[in-house]
Amino acid sequence: MTMNYVPLEQLLDKTQDSIYKLVILASKRALEIAEGQPALINSVSTVKPSTVALNEIAQNKLLFKKI
């Protein structure tokens, strides 16, 4: 089961302190999950894709890579 609340500071650390990078990363991953991609963490089926994406970022299952 995943946690319901992820502190913003913890998430910003994963995206080089950029809220914009965090939003883009989480929204792209949430869209993938909504389209049927499997989650990288264990979650309850009623959890929203956006929550799953944020939890994946918080648990270092999904990383930001600068191109």
C-alpha atoms as a PDB file:
ATOM      1  CA  MET A   1       0.000   0.000   0.000  1.00  0.00           C
ATOM      2  CA  THR A   2       1.253   3.522  -0.704  1.00  0.00           C
ATOM      3  CA  MET A   3       1.271   6.559   1.479  1.00  0.00           C
ATOM      4  CA  ASN A   4      -1.379   9.208   0.860  1.00  0.00           C
ATOM      5  CA  TYR A   5       0.741  12.287   1.457  1.00  0.00           C
ATOM      6  CA  VAL A   6       4.198  12.996   0.112  1.00  0.00           C
ATOM      7  CA  PRO A   7       5.897  16.175   1.385  1.00  0.00           C
ATOM      8  CA  LEU A   8       6.594  18.631  -1.418  1.00  0.00           C
ATOM      9  CA  GLU A   9      10.147  19.195  -0.176  1.00  0.00           C
ATOM     10  CA  GLN A  10      10.888  15.481  -0.568  1.00  0.00           C
ATOM     11  CA  LEU A  11       9.605  15.533  -4.151  1.00  0.00           C
ATOM     12  CA  LEU A  12      11.472  18.706  -5.091  1.00  0.00           C
ATOM     13  CA  ASP A  13      14.753  17.110  -4.016  1.00  0.00           C
ATOM     14  CA  LYS A  14      14.219  14.523  -6.763  1.00  0.00           C
ATOM     15  CA  THR A  15      13.824  17.151  -9.524  1.00  0.00           C
ATOM     16  CA  GLN A  16      16.639  19.572  -8.689  1.00  0.00           C
ATOM     17  CA  ASP A  17      14.285  21.859  -6.685  1.00  0.00           C
ATOM     18  CA  SER A  18      12.159  22.707  -9.727  1.00  0.00           C
ATOM     19  CA  ILE A  19       8.390  22.574  -9.283  1.00  0.00           C
ATOM     20  CA  TYR A  20       8.003  22.758 -13.067  1.00  0.00           C
ATOM     21  CA  LYS A  21      10.126  19.646 -13.656  1.00  0.00           C
ATOM     22  CA  LEU A  22       8.205  17.854 -10.915  1.00  0.00           C
ATOM     23  CA  VAL A  23       4.837  18.695 -12.475  1.00  0.00           C
ATOM     24  CA  ILE A  24       5.943  17.586 -15.944  1.00  0.00           C
ATOM     25  CA  LEU A  25       7.492  14.344 -14.670  1.00  0.00           C
ATOM     26  CA  ALA A  26       4.483  13.451 -12.525  1.00  0.00           C
ATOM     27  CA  SER A  27       1.921  14.343 -15.192  1.00  0.00           C
ATOM     28  CA  LYS A  28       3.672  12.340 -17.916  1.00  0.00           C
ATOM     29  CA  ARG A  29       3.958   9.320 -15.630  1.00  0.00           C
ATOM     30  CA  ALA A  30       0.332   9.645 -14.466  1.00  0.00           C
ATOM     31  CA  LEU A  31      -0.771   9.654 -18.101  1.00  0.00           C
ATOM     32  CA  GLU A  32       1.241   6.475 -18.756  1.00  0.00           C
ATOM     33  CA  ILE A  33      -0.393   4.783 -15.759  1.00  0.00           C
ATOM     34  CA  ALA A  34      -3.869   5.921 -16.842  1.00  0.00           C
ATOM     35  CA  GLU A  35      -3.214   4.448 -20.294  1.00  0.00           C
ATOM     36  CA  GLY A  36      -2.420   1.038 -18.791  1.00  0.00           C
ATOM     37  CA  GLN A  37       1.279   0.974 -17.938  1.00  0.00           C
ATOM     38  CA  PRO A  38       1.901  -0.986 -14.730  1.00  0.00           C
ATOM     39  CA  ALA A  39       2.755   0.941 -11.590  1.00  0.00           C
ATOM     40  CA  LEU A  40       6.313   0.612 -10.293  1.00  0.00           C
ATOM     41  CA  ILE A  41       5.061   0.425  -6.688  1.00  0.00           C
ATOM     42  CA  ASN A  42       2.381  -1.560  -4.923  1.00  0.00           C
ATOM     43  CA  SER A  43      -0.813   0.470  -4.720  1.00  0.00           C
ATOM     44  CA  VAL A  44      -4.505   0.054  -4.154  1.00  0.00           C
ATOM     45  CA  SER A  45      -6.477   0.030  -7.407  1.00  0.00           C
ATOM     46  CA  THR A  46      -8.587   3.004  -6.252  1.00  0.00           C
ATOM     47  CA  VAL A  47      -5.562   5.309  -5.963  1.00  0.00           C
ATOM     48  CA  LYS A  48      -5.454   7.996  -8.646  1.00  0.00           C
ATOM     49  CA  PRO A  49      -2.698   7.745 -11.276  1.00  0.00           C
ATOM     50  CA  SER A  50      -1.325  11.130 -10.197  1.00  0.00           C
ATOM     51  CA  THR A  51      -0.913   9.905  -6.617  1.00  0.00           C
ATOM     52  CA  VAL A  52       0.826   6.755  -7.813  1.00  0.00           C
ATOM     53  CA  ALA A  53       3.193   8.841  -9.958  1.00  0.00           C
ATOM     54  CA  LEU A  54       4.099  11.116  -7.034  1.00  0.00           C
ATOM     55  CA  ASN A  55       4.714   8.107  -4.798  1.00  0.00           C
ATOM     56  CA  GLU A  56       6.935   6.538  -7.468  1.00  0.00           C
ATOM     57  CA  ILE A  57       8.994   9.737  -7.577  1.00  0.00           C
ATOM     58  CA  ALA A  58       9.217   9.873  -3.773  1.00  0.00           C
ATOM     59  CA  GLN A  59      10.379   6.249  -3.599  1.00  0.00           C
ATOM     60  CA  ASN A  60      13.051   6.765  -6.285  1.00  0.00           C
ATOM     61  CA  LYS A  61      11.315   4.414  -8.714  1.00  0.00           C
ATOM     62  CA  LEU A  62      11.066   7.217 -11.263  1.00  0.00           C
ATOM     63  CA  LEU A  63      13.906   9.651 -11.743  1.00  0.00           C
ATOM     64  CA  PHE A  64      14.363  12.964 -13.530  1.00  0.00           C
ATOM     65  CA  LYS A  65      17.096  12.935 -16.138  1.00  0.00           C
ATOM     66  CA  LYS A  66      18.430  16.154 -17.616  1.00  0.00           C
ATOM     67  CA  ILE A  67      18.777  15.954 -21.394  1.00  0.00           C
END
